[in-house]
C-alpha atoms as a PDB file:
ATOM      1  CA  UNK A   1       5.791 -12.289   1.112  1.00  0.00           C
ATOM      2  CA  UNK A   2       7.396  -9.223   2.696  1.00  0.00           C
ATOM      3  CA  UNK A   3      10.999 -10.495   2.727  1.00  0.00           C
ATOM      4  CA  UNK A   4      12.003  -9.410  -0.761  1.00  0.00           C
ATOM      5  CA  UNK A   5      13.534  -6.121  -1.883  1.00  0.00           C
ATOM      6  CA  UNK A   6      11.754  -6.004  -5.267  1.00  0.00           C
ATOM      7  CA  UNK A   7       8.605  -3.897  -4.754  1.00  0.00           C
ATOM      8  CA  UNK A   8       5.721  -3.279  -7.123  1.00  0.00           C
ATOM      9  CA  UNK A   9       5.276   0.506  -7.128  1.00  0.00           C
ATOM     10  CA  UNK A  10       2.062   2.031  -8.347  1.00  0.00           C
ATOM     11  CA  UNK A  11       0.548   4.858  -6.329  1.00  0.00           C
ATOM     12  CA  UNK A  12       1.349   5.661  -2.719  1.00  0.00           C
ATOM     13  CA  UNK A  13       2.569   2.317  -1.414  1.00  0.00           C
ATOM     14  CA  UNK A  14       4.202  -1.013  -2.065  1.00  0.00           C
ATOM     15  CA  UNK A  15       3.369  -4.702  -2.221  1.00  0.00           C
ATOM     16  CA  UNK A  16       6.242  -7.173  -2.418  1.00  0.00           C
ATOM     17  CA  UNK A  17       6.301 -10.596  -4.066  1.00  0.00           C
ATOM     18  CA  UNK A  18       9.120 -11.548  -6.434  1.00  0.00           C
ATOM     19  CA  UNK A  19       7.308 -14.413  -8.159  1.00  0.00           C
ATOM     20  CA  UNK A  20       4.351 -12.317  -9.355  1.00  0.00           C
ATOM     21  CA  UNK A  21       6.026  -8.967 -10.088  1.00  0.00           C
ATOM     22  CA  UNK A  22       5.875  -9.193 -13.892  1.00  0.00           C
ATOM     23  CA  UNK A  23       2.094  -9.460 -14.173  1.00  0.00           C
ATOM     24  CA  UNK A  24       0.553  -7.775 -11.120  1.00  0.00           C
ATOM     25  CA  UNK A  25      -0.428  -4.164 -10.563  1.00  0.00           C
ATOM     26  CA  UNK A  26      -2.293  -2.367  -7.793  1.00  0.00           C
ATOM     27  CA  UNK A  27      -5.723  -0.766  -7.908  1.00  0.00           C
ATOM     28  CA  UNK A  28      -6.691   1.668  -5.149  1.00  0.00           C
ATOM     29  CA  UNK A  29     -10.289   2.290  -4.063  1.00  0.00           C
ATOM     30  CA  UNK A  30     -11.401   5.254  -1.938  1.00  0.00           C
ATOM     31  CA  UNK A  31      -7.884   6.582  -1.422  1.00  0.00           C
ATOM     32  CA  UNK A  32      -7.210  10.226  -0.601  1.00  0.00           C
ATOM     33  CA  UNK A  33      -4.201  11.316  -2.661  1.00  0.00           C
ATOM     34  CA  UNK A  34      -3.721  14.531  -0.654  1.00  0.00           C
ATOM     35  CA  UNK A  35      -3.850  14.605   3.135  1.00  0.00           C
ATOM     36  CA  UNK A  36      -2.738  17.653   5.132  1.00  0.00           C
ATOM     37  CA  UNK A  37      -3.915  16.810   8.631  1.00  0.00           C
ATOM     38  CA  UNK A  38      -2.928  14.703  11.611  1.00  0.00           C
ATOM     39  CA  UNK A  39      -6.395  13.125  11.822  1.00  0.00           C
ATOM     40  CA  UNK A  40      -6.702   9.408  11.128  1.00  0.00           C
ATOM     41  CA  UNK A  41      -6.436   8.701   7.400  1.00  0.00           C
ATOM     42  CA  UNK A  42      -9.678   7.331   5.902  1.00  0.00           C
ATOM     43  CA  UNK A  43      -9.945   3.596   5.294  1.00  0.00           C
ATOM     44  CA  UNK A  44      -9.172   2.471   1.736  1.00  0.00           C
ATOM     45  CA  UNK A  45      -8.832  -0.754  -0.243  1.00  0.00           C
ATOM     46  CA  UNK A  46      -6.028  -2.112  -2.420  1.00  0.00           C
ATOM     47  CA  UNK A  47      -6.718  -4.799  -5.040  1.00  0.00           C
ATOM     48  CA  UNK A  48      -4.033  -6.908  -6.727  1.00  0.00           C
ATOM     49  CA  UNK A  49      -4.830  -6.951 -10.442  1.00  0.00           C
ATOM     50  CA  UNK A  50      -3.560  -9.365 -13.090  1.00  0.00           C
ATOM     51  CA  UNK A  51      -2.279  -7.085 -15.887  1.00  0.00           C
ATOM     52  CA  UNK A  52      -3.287  -9.534 -18.643  1.00  0.00           C
ATOM     53  CA  UNK A  53      -6.794 -10.485 -17.515  1.00  0.00           C
ATOM     54  CA  UNK A  54      -7.597  -7.222 -15.664  1.00  0.00           C
ATOM     55  CA  UNK A  55      -9.168  -9.404 -12.948  1.00  0.00           C
ATOM     56  CA  UNK A  56      -8.388  -9.493  -9.231  1.00  0.00           C
ATOM     57  CA  UNK A  57      -5.557 -11.942  -8.550  1.00  0.00           C
ATOM     58  CA  UNK A  58      -6.929 -14.190  -5.785  1.00  0.00           C
ATOM     59  CA  UNK A  59      -4.026 -16.623  -5.201  1.00  0.00           C
ATOM     60  CA  UNK A  60      -2.864 -14.627  -2.175  1.00  0.00           C
ATOM     61  CA  UNK A  61      -3.176 -17.020   0.750  1.00  0.00           C
ATOM     62  CA  UNK A  62      -0.763 -15.936   3.483  1.00  0.00           C
ATOM     63  CA  UNK A  63       0.185 -12.701   1.678  1.00  0.00           C
ATOM     64  CA  UNK A  64       0.323  -9.319   3.388  1.00  0.00           C
ATOM     65  CA  UNK A  65       0.585  -5.789   2.093  1.00  0.00           C
ATOM     66  CA  UNK A  66       3.226  -3.760   3.935  1.00  0.00           C
ATOM     67  CA  UNK A  67       3.115   0.026   3.974  1.00  0.00           C
ATOM     68  CA  UNK A  68       5.985   2.492   4.048  1.00  0.00           C
ATOM     69  CA  UNK A  69       5.892   6.255   3.767  1.00  0.00           C
ATOM     70  CA  UNK A  70       8.181   7.502   0.978  1.00  0.00           C
ATOM     71  CA  UNK A  71       8.852  11.155   0.117  1.00  0.00           C
ATOM     72  CA  UNK A  72       8.608  12.539  -3.399  1.00  0.00           C
ATOM     73  CA  UNK A  73      12.402  12.287  -3.564  1.00  0.00           C
ATOM     74  CA  UNK A  74      12.333   8.558  -2.604  1.00  0.00           C
ATOM     75  CA  UNK A  75      13.453   9.002   1.022  1.00  0.00           C
ATOM     76  CA  UNK A  76      11.892   6.856   3.741  1.00  0.00           C
ATOM     77  CA  UNK A  77       9.660   8.838   6.086  1.00  0.00           C
ATOM     78  CA  UNK A  78       8.052   5.870   7.830  1.00  0.00           C
ATOM     79  CA  UNK A  79       8.879   7.393  11.224  1.00  0.00           C
ATOM     80  CA  UNK A  80       5.987   9.813  10.519  1.00  0.00           C
ATOM     81  CA  UNK A  81       3.463   7.036   9.881  1.00  0.00           C
ATOM     82  CA  UNK A  82       1.679   5.584  12.903  1.00  0.00           C
ATOM     83  CA  UNK A  83      -0.691   2.662  12.892  1.00  0.00           C
ATOM     84  CA  UNK A  84      -1.518  -0.311  15.080  1.00  0.00           C
ATOM     85  CA  UNK A  85      -0.146  -2.307  12.116  1.00  0.00           C
ATOM     86  CA  UNK A  86       1.781  -1.437   8.960  1.00  0.00           C
ATOM     87  CA  UNK A  87       1.135  -4.846   7.454  1.00  0.00           C
ATOM     88  CA  UNK A  88      -2.350  -5.854   6.322  1.00  0.00           C
ATOM     89  CA  UNK A  89      -3.598  -9.276   5.201  1.00  0.00           C
ATOM     90  CA  UNK A  90      -4.489  -9.737   1.532  1.00  0.00           C
ATOM     91  CA  UNK A  91      -7.642 -11.845   1.315  1.00  0.00           C
ATOM     92  CA  UNK A  92      -8.668 -13.091  -2.129  1.00  0.00           C
ATOM     93  CA  UNK A  93      -6.599 -10.342  -3.755  1.00  0.00           C
ATOM     94  CA  UNK A  94      -7.884  -7.484  -1.570  1.00  0.00           C
ATOM     95  CA  UNK A  95      -6.419  -5.657   1.413  1.00  0.00           C
ATOM     96  CA  UNK A  96      -8.368  -3.234   3.585  1.00  0.00           C
ATOM     97  CA  UNK A  97      -6.093  -0.502   4.964  1.00  0.00           C
ATOM     98  CA  UNK A  98      -7.210   1.291   8.105  1.00  0.00           C
ATOM     99  CA  UNK A  99      -5.943   3.005  11.234  1.00  0.00           C
ATOM    100  CA  UNK A 100      -3.197   5.069   9.584  1.00  0.00           C
ATOM    101  CA  UNK A 101      -2.206   8.351  11.137  1.00  0.00           C
ATOM    102  CA  UNK A 102       0.522  10.742  10.022  1.00  0.00           C
ATOM    103  CA  UNK A 103       2.598  12.211  12.860  1.00  0.00           C
ATOM    104  CA  UNK A 104       3.694  15.202  10.782  1.00  0.00           C
ATOM    105  CA  UNK A 105       1.990  17.191   8.076  1.00  0.00           C
ATOM    106  CA  UNK A 106       3.847  18.018   4.864  1.00  0.00           C
ATOM    107  CA  UNK A 107       3.720  21.331   3.103  1.00  0.00           C
ATOM    108  CA  UNK A 108       0.925  21.862   0.584  1.00  0.00           C
ATOM    109  CA  UNK A 109       3.441  23.336  -1.875  1.00  0.00           C
END
């Protein structure tokens, strides 16, 4: 559900669902934490993990993972993120993220 203002924040991005916030966390696979180029960002996967069981949370029918670009000082920079879609389906607790491209490159400092 992407209509709530209570995000789960873990690494670079956000998944939103108010009902499951207390016991879900995100696990990222194959993500590049530093990217200093305008080339297409490599595909990566996000898993929703139950904090108690440490298993993938699969009750995600109809859920999507929405992406926003946020600066280190918590300012929205989504105008610099281009993709055919910024919302990706979550199937059985997993979302495959692809097609992202940054329109500006940040400083390496």
